[in-house]
PDB file of N, CA and C in Angstrom:
ATOM      1  N   UNK A   1     -19.090  30.373   7.461  1.00  0.00           N
ATOM      2  CA  UNK A   1     -18.235  29.749   6.485  1.00  0.00           C
ATOM      3  C   UNK A   1     -17.673  28.468   7.063  1.00  0.00           C
ATOM      4  N   UNK A   2     -17.710  27.024   6.471  1.00  0.00           N
ATOM      5  CA  UNK A   2     -17.327  26.071   6.830  1.00  0.00           C
ATOM      6  C   UNK A   2     -15.750  25.867   6.579  1.00  0.00           C
ATOM      7  N   UNK A   3     -14.837  25.726   7.595  1.00  0.00           N
ATOM      8  CA  UNK A   3     -13.519  25.404   7.086  1.00  0.00           C
ATOM      9  C   UNK A   3     -12.805  24.214   7.615  1.00  0.00           C
ATOM     10  N   UNK A   4     -12.453  23.491   6.659  1.00  0.00           N
ATOM     11  CA  UNK A   4     -11.788  22.287   7.207  1.00  0.00           C
ATOM     12  C   UNK A   4     -10.386  22.253   7.887  1.00  0.00           C
ATOM     13  N   UNK A   5     -10.074  22.067   8.891  1.00  0.00           N
ATOM     14  CA  UNK A   5      -8.872  22.312   9.608  1.00  0.00           C
ATOM     15  C   UNK A   5      -7.676  21.429   8.952  1.00  0.00           C
ATOM     16  N   UNK A   6      -6.567  21.919   9.159  1.00  0.00           N
ATOM     17  CA  UNK A   6      -5.183  21.100   8.460  1.00  0.00           C
ATOM     18  C   UNK A   6      -4.975  19.804   8.947  1.00  0.00           C
ATOM     19  N   UNK A   7      -4.791  18.778   8.309  1.00  0.00           N
ATOM     20  CA  UNK A   7      -4.356  17.427   8.802  1.00  0.00           C
ATOM     21  C   UNK A   7      -3.048  17.360   8.731  1.00  0.00           C
ATOM     22  N   UNK A   8      -2.441  16.181   9.221  1.00  0.00           N
ATOM     23  CA  UNK A   8      -1.250  15.639   9.205  1.00  0.00           C
ATOM     24  C   UNK A   8      -0.846  15.536   7.958  1.00  0.00           C
ATOM     25  N   UNK A   9      -1.808  14.875   7.173  1.00  0.00           N
ATOM     26  CA  UNK A   9      -1.783  14.315   5.702  1.00  0.00           C
ATOM     27  C   UNK A   9      -1.189  15.591   4.893  1.00  0.00           C
ATOM     28  N   UNK A  10      -1.481  16.470   5.085  1.00  0.00           N
ATOM     29  CA  UNK A  10      -1.294  17.545   4.118  1.00  0.00           C
ATOM     30  C   UNK A  10       0.069  17.900   3.984  1.00  0.00           C
ATOM     31  N   UNK A  11       0.891  17.580   5.072  1.00  0.00           N
ATOM     32  CA  UNK A  11       2.489  17.676   5.061  1.00  0.00           C
ATOM     33  C   UNK A  11       3.454  16.547   4.251  1.00  0.00           C
ATOM     34  N   UNK A  12       2.701  15.454   4.137  1.00  0.00           N
ATOM     35  CA  UNK A  12       3.205  14.246   3.314  1.00  0.00           C
ATOM     36  C   UNK A  12       3.989  14.884   1.648  1.00  0.00           C
ATOM     37  N   UNK A  13       3.059  15.574   1.205  1.00  0.00           N
ATOM     38  CA  UNK A  13       3.578  16.273  -0.265  1.00  0.00           C
ATOM     39  C   UNK A  13       4.987  16.914  -0.283  1.00  0.00           C
ATOM     40  N   UNK A  14       4.802  17.349   0.801  1.00  0.00           N
ATOM     41  CA  UNK A  14       6.034  18.732   1.029  1.00  0.00           C
ATOM     42  C   UNK A  14       7.260  17.953   1.680  1.00  0.00           C
ATOM     43  N   UNK A  15       7.088  17.400   2.354  1.00  0.00           N
ATOM     44  CA  UNK A  15       8.119  16.137   3.158  1.00  0.00           C
ATOM     45  C   UNK A  15       8.794  15.377   2.259  1.00  0.00           C
ATOM     46  N   UNK A  16       7.756  14.910   1.199  1.00  0.00           N
ATOM     47  CA  UNK A  16       8.620  13.878  -0.125  1.00  0.00           C
ATOM     48  C   UNK A  16       9.162  15.103  -0.726  1.00  0.00           C
ATOM     49  N   UNK A  17       8.780  16.161  -1.109  1.00  0.00           N
ATOM     50  CA  UNK A  17       9.456  17.154  -1.970  1.00  0.00           C
ATOM     51  C   UNK A  17      10.924  17.415  -1.411  1.00  0.00           C
ATOM     52  N   UNK A  18      11.018  17.427   0.075  1.00  0.00           N
ATOM     53  CA  UNK A  18      11.997  17.806   0.606  1.00  0.00           C
ATOM     54  C   UNK A  18      13.127  16.664   0.830  1.00  0.00           C
ATOM     55  N   UNK A  19      12.589  15.633   0.980  1.00  0.00           N
ATOM     56  CA  UNK A  19      13.610  14.251   1.712  1.00  0.00           C
ATOM     57  C   UNK A  19      13.371  13.204   0.711  1.00  0.00           C
ATOM     58  N   UNK A  20      12.468  13.044  -0.339  1.00  0.00           N
ATOM     59  CA  UNK A  20      12.368  11.993  -1.129  1.00  0.00           C
ATOM     60  C   UNK A  20      12.031  10.926  -0.243  1.00  0.00           C
ATOM     61  N   UNK A  21      12.202   9.580  -0.910  1.00  0.00           N
ATOM     62  CA  UNK A  21      11.942   8.371   0.281  1.00  0.00           C
ATOM     63  C   UNK A  21      12.420   8.345   1.456  1.00  0.00           C
ATOM     64  N   UNK A  22      13.382   9.330   1.584  1.00  0.00           N
ATOM     65  CA  UNK A  22      14.226   9.293   2.913  1.00  0.00           C
ATOM     66  C   UNK A  22      12.935   9.851   4.107  1.00  0.00           C
ATOM     67  N   UNK A  23      11.862  10.338   3.892  1.00  0.00           N
ATOM     68  CA  UNK A  23      11.089  10.817   4.689  1.00  0.00           C
ATOM     69  C   UNK A  23      10.174   9.879   5.310  1.00  0.00           C
ATOM     70  N   UNK A  24      10.484   8.578   4.869  1.00  0.00           N
ATOM     71  CA  UNK A  24       9.624   7.520   5.632  1.00  0.00           C
ATOM     72  C   UNK A  24      10.416   7.047   6.895  1.00  0.00           C
ATOM     73  N   UNK A  25      11.567   7.701   7.103  1.00  0.00           N
ATOM     74  CA  UNK A  25      12.402   7.300   8.256  1.00  0.00           C
ATOM     75  C   UNK A  25      12.085   8.342   9.252  1.00  0.00           C
ATOM     76  N   UNK A  26      11.614   9.339   8.870  1.00  0.00           N
ATOM     77  CA  UNK A  26      11.189  10.642   9.643  1.00  0.00           C
ATOM     78  C   UNK A  26       9.679  10.327  10.353  1.00  0.00           C
ATOM     79  N   UNK A  27       9.009   9.490   9.711  1.00  0.00           N
ATOM     80  CA  UNK A  27       7.464   9.211   9.903  1.00  0.00           C
ATOM     81  C   UNK A  27       7.509   8.191  10.980  1.00  0.00           C
ATOM     82  N   UNK A  28       6.496   8.931  12.101  1.00  0.00           N
ATOM     83  CA  UNK A  28       5.901   7.769  13.206  1.00  0.00           C
ATOM     84  C   UNK A  28       4.652   7.665  13.471  1.00  0.00           C
ATOM     85  N   UNK A  29       4.330   6.390  13.401  1.00  0.00           N
ATOM     86  CA  UNK A  29       2.648   6.349  13.634  1.00  0.00           C
ATOM     87  C   UNK A  29       2.242   5.107  12.371  1.00  0.00           C
ATOM     88  N   UNK A  30       0.745   5.207  12.261  1.00  0.00           N
ATOM     89  CA  UNK A  30       0.519   4.237  11.345  1.00  0.00           C
ATOM     90  C   UNK A  30       0.272   4.959   9.972  1.00  0.00           C
ATOM     91  N   UNK A  31       0.488   4.517   8.817  1.00  0.00           N
ATOM     92  CA  UNK A  31       0.065   5.236   7.633  1.00  0.00           C
ATOM     93  C   UNK A  31       0.248   4.034   6.550  1.00  0.00           C
ATOM     94  N   UNK A  32      -0.535   4.219   5.665  1.00  0.00           N
ATOM     95  CA  UNK A  32      -0.539   3.590   4.084  1.00  0.00           C
ATOM     96  C   UNK A  32      -1.016   4.398   3.311  1.00  0.00           C
ATOM     97  N   UNK A  33      -0.026   4.824   2.304  1.00  0.00           N
ATOM     98  CA  UNK A  33      -0.099   5.808   1.346  1.00  0.00           C
ATOM     99  C   UNK A  33       0.429   5.532   0.188  1.00  0.00           C
ATOM    100  N   UNK A  34      -0.010   6.605  -0.941  1.00  0.00           N
ATOM    101  CA  UNK A  34       0.448   6.404  -2.397  1.00  0.00           C
ATOM    102  C   UNK A  34       0.622   7.803  -2.639  1.00  0.00           C
ATOM    103  N   UNK A  35       1.786   7.718  -3.240  1.00  0.00           N
ATOM    104  CA  UNK A  35       2.373   9.137  -3.702  1.00  0.00           C
ATOM    105  C   UNK A  35       2.750   9.110  -4.996  1.00  0.00           C
ATOM    106  N   UNK A  36       2.266  10.234  -5.897  1.00  0.00           N
ATOM    107  CA  UNK A  36       2.423  10.103  -7.499  1.00  0.00           C
ATOM    108  C   UNK A  36       3.443  11.296  -7.555  1.00  0.00           C
ATOM    109  N   UNK A  37       4.553  10.849  -8.251  1.00  0.00           N
ATOM    110  CA  UNK A  37       5.447  11.936  -8.204  1.00  0.00           C
ATOM    111  C   UNK A  37       5.769  12.183  -9.936  1.00  0.00           C
ATOM    112  N   UNK A  38       4.900  13.290 -10.150  1.00  0.00           N
ATOM    113  CA  UNK A  38       4.790  13.638 -11.418  1.00  0.00           C
ATOM    114  C   UNK A  38       5.977  14.336 -12.464  1.00  0.00           C
ATOM    115  N   UNK A  39       7.008  14.681 -11.538  1.00  0.00           N
ATOM    116  CA  UNK A  39       8.413  15.009 -12.104  1.00  0.00           C
ATOM    117  C   UNK A  39       9.106  13.853 -12.593  1.00  0.00           C
ATOM    118  N   UNK A  40       9.192  12.915 -11.797  1.00  0.00           N
ATOM    119  CA  UNK A  40       9.934  11.722 -12.302  1.00  0.00           C
ATOM    120  C   UNK A  40       9.098  10.491 -12.711  1.00  0.00           C
ATOM    121  N   UNK A  41       7.749  10.671 -13.019  1.00  0.00           N
ATOM    122  CA  UNK A  41       6.729   9.835 -13.426  1.00  0.00           C
ATOM    123  C   UNK A  41       6.652   8.537 -12.754  1.00  0.00           C
ATOM    124  N   UNK A  42       6.689   8.521 -11.383  1.00  0.00           N
ATOM    125  CA  UNK A  42       6.763   7.484 -10.580  1.00  0.00           C
ATOM    126  C   UNK A  42       5.616   7.438  -9.754  1.00  0.00           C
ATOM    127  N   UNK A  43       5.204   6.407  -9.281  1.00  0.00           N
ATOM    128  CA  UNK A  43       4.344   6.025  -8.292  1.00  0.00           C
ATOM    129  C   UNK A  43       5.010   5.109  -7.146  1.00  0.00           C
ATOM    130  N   UNK A  44       4.544   5.816  -5.786  1.00  0.00           N
ATOM    131  CA  UNK A  44       5.196   5.241  -4.480  1.00  0.00           C
ATOM    132  C   UNK A  44       4.205   4.748  -3.759  1.00  0.00           C
ATOM    133  N   UNK A  45       3.895   3.527  -3.359  1.00  0.00           N
ATOM    134  CA  UNK A  45       3.081   2.812  -2.336  1.00  0.00           C
ATOM    135  C   UNK A  45       4.028   2.861  -1.098  1.00  0.00           C
ATOM    136  N   UNK A  46       3.743   2.912  -0.069  1.00  0.00           N
ATOM    137  CA  UNK A  46       4.264   2.903   1.066  1.00  0.00           C
ATOM    138  C   UNK A  46       3.232   2.688   2.507  1.00  0.00           C
ATOM    139  N   UNK A  47       3.932   1.734   3.583  1.00  0.00           N
ATOM    140  CA  UNK A  47       3.154   1.751   4.618  1.00  0.00           C
ATOM    141  C   UNK A  47       4.058   1.746   5.846  1.00  0.00           C
ATOM    142  N   UNK A  48       3.507   1.981   7.098  1.00  0.00           N
ATOM    143  CA  UNK A  48       4.194   2.114   8.313  1.00  0.00           C
ATOM    144  C   UNK A  48       5.014   0.788   8.432  1.00  0.00           C
ATOM    145  N   UNK A  49       6.222   1.021   9.168  1.00  0.00           N
ATOM    146  CA  UNK A  49       7.333   0.175   9.371  1.00  0.00           C
ATOM    147  C   UNK A  49       7.025  -1.053  10.050  1.00  0.00           C
ATOM    148  N   UNK A  50       5.673  -1.311  10.641  1.00  0.00           N
ATOM    149  CA  UNK A  50       5.089  -2.344  11.426  1.00  0.00           C
ATOM    150  C   UNK A  50       4.169  -2.894  10.609  1.00  0.00           C
ATOM    151  N   UNK A  51       3.421  -2.360   9.684  1.00  0.00           N
ATOM    152  CA  UNK A  51       2.410  -2.859   8.730  1.00  0.00           C
ATOM    153  C   UNK A  51       1.209  -2.899   9.408  1.00  0.00           C
ATOM    154  N   UNK A  52       1.020  -2.029  10.563  1.00  0.00           N
ATOM    155  CA  UNK A  52      -0.201  -1.736  11.317  1.00  0.00           C
ATOM    156  C   UNK A  52      -1.599  -1.383  10.165  1.00  0.00           C
ATOM    157  N   UNK A  53      -1.284  -0.485   9.208  1.00  0.00           N
ATOM    158  CA  UNK A  53      -2.091  -0.098   8.241  1.00  0.00           C
ATOM    159  C   UNK A  53      -1.826  -0.949   6.728  1.00  0.00           C
ATOM    160  N   UNK A  54      -2.663  -1.857   6.473  1.00  0.00           N
ATOM    161  CA  UNK A  54      -2.597  -2.857   5.419  1.00  0.00           C
ATOM    162  C   UNK A  54      -2.438  -2.240   4.345  1.00  0.00           C
ATOM    163  N   UNK A  55      -1.714  -2.552   3.165  1.00  0.00           N
ATOM    164  CA  UNK A  55      -1.773  -2.548   1.976  1.00  0.00           C
ATOM    165  C   UNK A  55      -1.610  -3.721   0.923  1.00  0.00           C
ATOM    166  N   UNK A  56      -2.810  -3.895   0.312  1.00  0.00           N
ATOM    167  CA  UNK A  56      -2.863  -5.026  -0.668  1.00  0.00           C
ATOM    168  C   UNK A  56      -2.657  -4.636  -2.039  1.00  0.00           C
ATOM    169  N   UNK A  57      -2.002  -5.203  -3.003  1.00  0.00           N
ATOM    170  CA  UNK A  57      -1.557  -4.671  -4.258  1.00  0.00           C
ATOM    171  C   UNK A  57      -1.637  -5.992  -5.148  1.00  0.00           C
ATOM    172  N   UNK A  58      -1.590  -5.652  -6.746  1.00  0.00           N
ATOM    173  CA  UNK A  58      -1.606  -6.674  -7.626  1.00  0.00           C
ATOM    174  C   UNK A  58      -1.109  -6.005  -8.674  1.00  0.00           C
ATOM    175  N   UNK A  59      -0.289  -6.688  -9.499  1.00  0.00           N
ATOM    176  CA  UNK A  59       0.104  -6.241 -10.849  1.00  0.00           C
ATOM    177  C   UNK A  59      -1.006  -6.875 -11.918  1.00  0.00           C
ATOM    178  N   UNK A  60      -1.292  -6.213 -12.898  1.00  0.00           N
ATOM    179  CA  UNK A  60      -2.226  -6.536 -13.866  1.00  0.00           C
ATOM    180  C   UNK A  60      -1.893  -6.379 -15.301  1.00  0.00           C
ATOM    181  N   UNK A  61      -2.490  -6.659 -16.359  1.00  0.00           N
ATOM    182  CA  UNK A  61      -2.026  -6.269 -17.554  1.00  0.00           C
ATOM    183  C   UNK A  61      -2.396  -4.587 -17.688  1.00  0.00           C
ATOM    184  N   UNK A  62      -3.140  -4.278 -16.901  1.00  0.00           N
ATOM    185  CA  UNK A  62      -3.691  -2.546 -17.001  1.00  0.00           C
ATOM    186  C   UNK A  62      -2.785  -1.926 -16.057  1.00  0.00           C
ATOM    187  N   UNK A  63      -1.966  -2.310 -15.491  1.00  0.00           N
ATOM    188  CA  UNK A  63      -1.256  -1.683 -14.188  1.00  0.00           C
ATOM    189  C   UNK A  63      -1.130  -2.139 -12.859  1.00  0.00           C
ATOM    190  N   UNK A  64      -1.192  -1.417 -11.875  1.00  0.00           N
ATOM    191  CA  UNK A  64      -1.291  -1.882 -10.479  1.00  0.00           C
ATOM    192  C   UNK A  64      -2.344  -1.461 -10.001  1.00  0.00           C
ATOM    193  N   UNK A  65      -3.065  -2.316  -9.150  1.00  0.00           N
ATOM    194  CA  UNK A  65      -4.370  -1.650  -8.392  1.00  0.00           C
ATOM    195  C   UNK A  65      -3.828  -1.951  -6.992  1.00  0.00           C
ATOM    196  N   UNK A  66      -4.221  -1.223  -6.138  1.00  0.00           N
ATOM    197  CA  UNK A  66      -4.032  -1.236  -4.674  1.00  0.00           C
ATOM    198  C   UNK A  66      -5.183  -0.704  -3.790  1.00  0.00           C
ATOM    199  N   UNK A  67      -5.365  -1.154  -2.721  1.00  0.00           N
ATOM    200  CA  UNK A  67      -6.130  -0.705  -1.737  1.00  0.00           C
ATOM    201  C   UNK A  67      -5.795  -1.038  -0.064  1.00  0.00           C
ATOM    202  N   UNK A  68      -6.664  -0.489   0.964  1.00  0.00           N
ATOM    203  CA  UNK A  68      -6.102  -0.988   2.145  1.00  0.00           C
ATOM    204  C   UNK A  68      -6.971  -2.209   2.559  1.00  0.00           C
ATOM    205  N   UNK A  69      -7.761  -2.602   1.809  1.00  0.00           N
ATOM    206  CA  UNK A  69      -8.642  -3.909   1.937  1.00  0.00           C
ATOM    207  C   UNK A  69      -8.546  -4.864   0.582  1.00  0.00           C
ATOM    208  N   UNK A  70      -8.578  -6.036   0.682  1.00  0.00           N
ATOM    209  CA  UNK A  70      -8.564  -6.889  -0.333  1.00  0.00           C
ATOM    210  C   UNK A  70      -9.748  -6.765  -1.065  1.00  0.00           C
ATOM    211  N   UNK A  71     -10.998  -6.360  -0.732  1.00  0.00           N
ATOM    212  CA  UNK A  71     -12.020  -6.455  -1.359  1.00  0.00           C
ATOM    213  C   UNK A  71     -12.029  -5.047  -2.073  1.00  0.00           C
ATOM    214  N   UNK A  72     -11.133  -4.186  -1.646  1.00  0.00           N
ATOM    215  CA  UNK A  72     -11.013  -3.001  -2.630  1.00  0.00           C
ATOM    216  C   UNK A  72     -10.204  -3.448  -3.806  1.00  0.00           C
ATOM    217  N   UNK A  73      -9.339  -4.098  -3.651  1.00  0.00           N
ATOM    218  CA  UNK A  73      -8.344  -4.616  -4.810  1.00  0.00           C
ATOM    219  C   UNK A  73      -9.423  -5.550  -5.572  1.00  0.00           C
ATOM    220  N   UNK A  74     -10.399  -6.379  -5.253  1.00  0.00           N
ATOM    221  CA  UNK A  74     -10.939  -7.086  -6.037  1.00  0.00           C
ATOM    222  C   UNK A  74     -12.219  -6.393  -6.864  1.00  0.00           C
ATOM    223  N   UNK A  75     -12.565  -5.445  -6.114  1.00  0.00           N
ATOM    224  CA  UNK A  75     -13.600  -4.492  -6.665  1.00  0.00           C
ATOM    225  C   UNK A  75     -13.230  -3.809  -7.963  1.00  0.00           C
ATOM    226  N   UNK A  76     -11.989  -3.747  -8.191  1.00  0.00           N
ATOM    227  CA  UNK A  76     -11.618  -2.954  -9.509  1.00  0.00           C
ATOM    228  C   UNK A  76     -11.862  -3.765 -10.801  1.00  0.00           C
ATOM    229  N   UNK A  77     -12.293  -5.091 -10.494  1.00  0.00           N
ATOM    230  CA  UNK A  77     -12.447  -5.872 -11.604  1.00  0.00           C
ATOM    231  C   UNK A  77     -11.564  -6.452 -12.669  1.00  0.00           C
ATOM    232  N   UNK A  78     -10.108  -5.762 -12.040  1.00  0.00           N
ATOM    233  CA  UNK A  78      -8.774  -5.941 -13.030  1.00  0.00           C
ATOM    234  C   UNK A  78      -8.240  -7.529 -12.817  1.00  0.00           C
ATOM    235  N   UNK A  79      -8.616  -8.350 -11.869  1.00  0.00           N
ATOM    236  CA  UNK A  79      -8.165  -9.695 -11.596  1.00  0.00           C
ATOM    237  C   UNK A  79      -9.321 -10.388 -11.046  1.00  0.00           C
ATOM    238  N   UNK A  80      -9.040 -11.732 -11.063  1.00  0.00           N
ATOM    239  CA  UNK A  80      -9.719 -12.926 -10.540  1.00  0.00           C
ATOM    240  C   UNK A  80      -9.051 -13.211  -9.248  1.00  0.00           C
ATOM    241  N   UNK A  81      -9.969 -13.370  -8.264  1.00  0.00           N
ATOM    242  CA  UNK A  81      -9.430 -14.087  -7.145  1.00  0.00           C
ATOM    243  C   UNK A  81      -8.906 -15.349  -7.155  1.00  0.00           C
ATOM    244  N   UNK A  82      -7.743 -15.748  -6.661  1.00  0.00           N
ATOM    245  CA  UNK A  82      -7.405 -17.272  -6.944  1.00  0.00           C
ATOM    246  C   UNK A  82      -6.428 -17.422  -5.649  1.00  0.00           C
ATOM    247  N   UNK A  83      -6.541 -18.348  -4.838  1.00  0.00           N
ATOM    248  CA  UNK A  83      -5.921 -18.903  -3.829  1.00  0.00           C
ATOM    249  C   UNK A  83      -4.276 -19.499  -4.202  1.00  0.00           C
ATOM    250  N   UNK A  84      -3.330 -18.918  -3.476  1.00  0.00           N
ATOM    251  CA  UNK A  84      -1.991 -19.646  -3.636  1.00  0.00           C
ATOM    252  C   UNK A  84      -1.974 -20.475  -2.539  1.00  0.00           C
ATOM    253  N   UNK A  85      -1.791 -21.856  -2.660  1.00  0.00           N
ATOM    254  CA  UNK A  85      -1.958 -22.693  -1.777  1.00  0.00           C
ATOM    255  C   UNK A  85      -0.904 -22.805  -0.565  1.00  0.00           C
ATOM    256  N   UNK A  86       0.314 -22.372  -1.397  1.00  0.00           N
ATOM    257  CA  UNK A  86       1.550 -22.524  -0.489  1.00  0.00           C
ATOM    258  C   UNK A  86       1.693 -21.340   0.427  1.00  0.00           C
ATOM    259  N   UNK A  87       1.248 -20.348   0.100  1.00  0.00           N
ATOM    260  CA  UNK A  87       1.256 -19.178   0.764  1.00  0.00           C
ATOM    261  C   UNK A  87       0.163 -18.984   1.926  1.00  0.00           C
ATOM    262  N   UNK A  88      -0.830 -19.938   1.685  1.00  0.00           N
ATOM    263  CA  UNK A  88      -1.996 -19.924   2.585  1.00  0.00           C
ATOM    264  C   UNK A  88      -1.486 -20.886   3.572  1.00  0.00           C
ATOM    265  N   UNK A  89      -0.948 -21.772   3.325  1.00  0.00           N
ATOM    266  CA  UNK A  89      -0.618 -23.151   4.100  1.00  0.00           C
ATOM    267  C   UNK A  89       0.513 -21.975   5.125  1.00  0.00           C
ATOM    268  N   UNK A  90       1.523 -21.667   4.650  1.00  0.00           N
ATOM    269  CA  UNK A  90       2.427 -20.760   5.320  1.00  0.00           C
ATOM    270  C   UNK A  90       1.588 -20.105   6.383  1.00  0.00           C
ATOM    271  N   UNK A  91       0.958 -19.126   5.976  1.00  0.00           N
ATOM    272  CA  UNK A  91      -0.013 -18.329   6.803  1.00  0.00           C
ATOM    273  C   UNK A  91      -0.553 -19.071   7.819  1.00  0.00           C
ATOM    274  N   UNK A  92      -1.273 -20.047   7.595  1.00  0.00           N
ATOM    275  CA  UNK A  92      -2.001 -20.837   8.591  1.00  0.00           C
ATOM    276  C   UNK A  92      -1.209 -21.240   9.680  1.00  0.00           C
ATOM    277  N   UNK A  93      -0.124 -21.826   9.582  1.00  0.00           N
ATOM    278  CA  UNK A  93       1.052 -22.461   9.993  1.00  0.00           C
ATOM    279  C   UNK A  93       1.638 -21.244  11.064  1.00  0.00           C
ATOM    280  N   UNK A  94       2.216 -20.351  10.387  1.00  0.00           N
ATOM    281  CA  UNK A  94       2.841 -19.260  11.108  1.00  0.00           C
ATOM    282  C   UNK A  94       2.233 -18.005  11.598  1.00  0.00           C
ATOM    283  N   UNK A  95       0.859 -17.832  11.308  1.00  0.00           N
ATOM    284  CA  UNK A  95       0.294 -16.654  11.560  1.00  0.00           C
ATOM    285  C   UNK A  95       0.985 -15.524  10.376  1.00  0.00           C
ATOM    286  N   UNK A  96       1.606 -15.569   9.679  1.00  0.00           N
ATOM    287  CA  UNK A  96       2.112 -14.441   8.921  1.00  0.00           C
ATOM    288  C   UNK A  96       2.680 -15.108   7.554  1.00  0.00           C
ATOM    289  N   UNK A  97       2.837 -14.351   6.556  1.00  0.00           N
ATOM    290  CA  UNK A  97       3.318 -15.085   5.449  1.00  0.00           C
ATOM    291  C   UNK A  97       4.755 -14.910   5.019  1.00  0.00           C
ATOM    292  N   UNK A  98       5.931 -15.747   5.388  1.00  0.00           N
ATOM    293  CA  UNK A  98       7.040 -15.319   5.228  1.00  0.00           C
ATOM    294  C   UNK A  98       7.495 -14.818   3.785  1.00  0.00           C
ATOM    295  N   UNK A  99       6.655 -15.222   2.647  1.00  0.00           N
ATOM    296  CA  UNK A  99       7.320 -14.775   1.600  1.00  0.00           C
ATOM    297  C   UNK A  99       6.427 -13.324   1.247  1.00  0.00           C
ATOM    298  N   UNK A 100       7.287 -12.383   0.332  1.00  0.00           N
ATOM    299  CA  UNK A 100       6.796 -11.537  -0.078  1.00  0.00           C
ATOM    300  C   UNK A 100       5.386 -11.549  -1.125  1.00  0.00           C
ATOM    301  N   UNK A 101       5.060 -12.632  -1.341  1.00  0.00           N
ATOM    302  CA  UNK A 101       3.566 -12.817  -2.005  1.00  0.00           C
ATOM    303  C   UNK A 101       2.401 -12.909  -1.270  1.00  0.00           C
ATOM    304  N   UNK A 102       1.624 -12.421  -1.784  1.00  0.00           N
ATOM    305  CA  UNK A 102       0.296 -12.614  -0.994  1.00  0.00           C
ATOM    306  C   UNK A 102      -0.375 -13.860  -1.044  1.00  0.00           C
ATOM    307  N   UNK A 103      -1.433 -13.967  -0.323  1.00  0.00           N
ATOM    308  CA  UNK A 103      -2.174 -15.331  -0.366  1.00  0.00           C
ATOM    309  C   UNK A 103      -2.982 -15.468  -1.664  1.00  0.00           C
ATOM    310  N   UNK A 104      -3.015 -14.449  -2.487  1.00  0.00           N
ATOM    311  CA  UNK A 104      -3.785 -14.750  -3.932  1.00  0.00           C
ATOM    312  C   UNK A 104      -2.834 -14.370  -4.898  1.00  0.00           C
ATOM    313  N   UNK A 105      -2.916 -15.478  -5.738  1.00  0.00           N
ATOM    314  CA  UNK A 105      -2.090 -15.159  -7.080  1.00  0.00           C
ATOM    315  C   UNK A 105      -2.429 -14.125  -7.794  1.00  0.00           C
ATOM    316  N   UNK A 106      -1.203 -13.689  -8.641  1.00  0.00           N
ATOM    317  CA  UNK A 106      -1.612 -12.534  -9.618  1.00  0.00           C
ATOM    318  C   UNK A 106      -2.141 -13.044 -10.674  1.00  0.00           C
TER     319      UNK A 106
END
């Protein structure tokens, strides 16, 4: 019989049940996760404090699409890629985007 060993990911839903969003103060390491809270009818997207694990998202008329790579978001077919020139220039000058907006427009 093949048995899958438990992983650290399995504790996250239980930690969220106990601590709510406060759980992220307790996490150490790289992560990028989506939690669906059926009780409060909410979806929570979160990533590690230093942003090591990427998370890309876009709001569309159909809801929110997200992924750990831009190509995953674009593969959804829910949005057309479009460059935000101001964000791109800032990124090229500073090697990061000081705005909370991505380099592509919604």
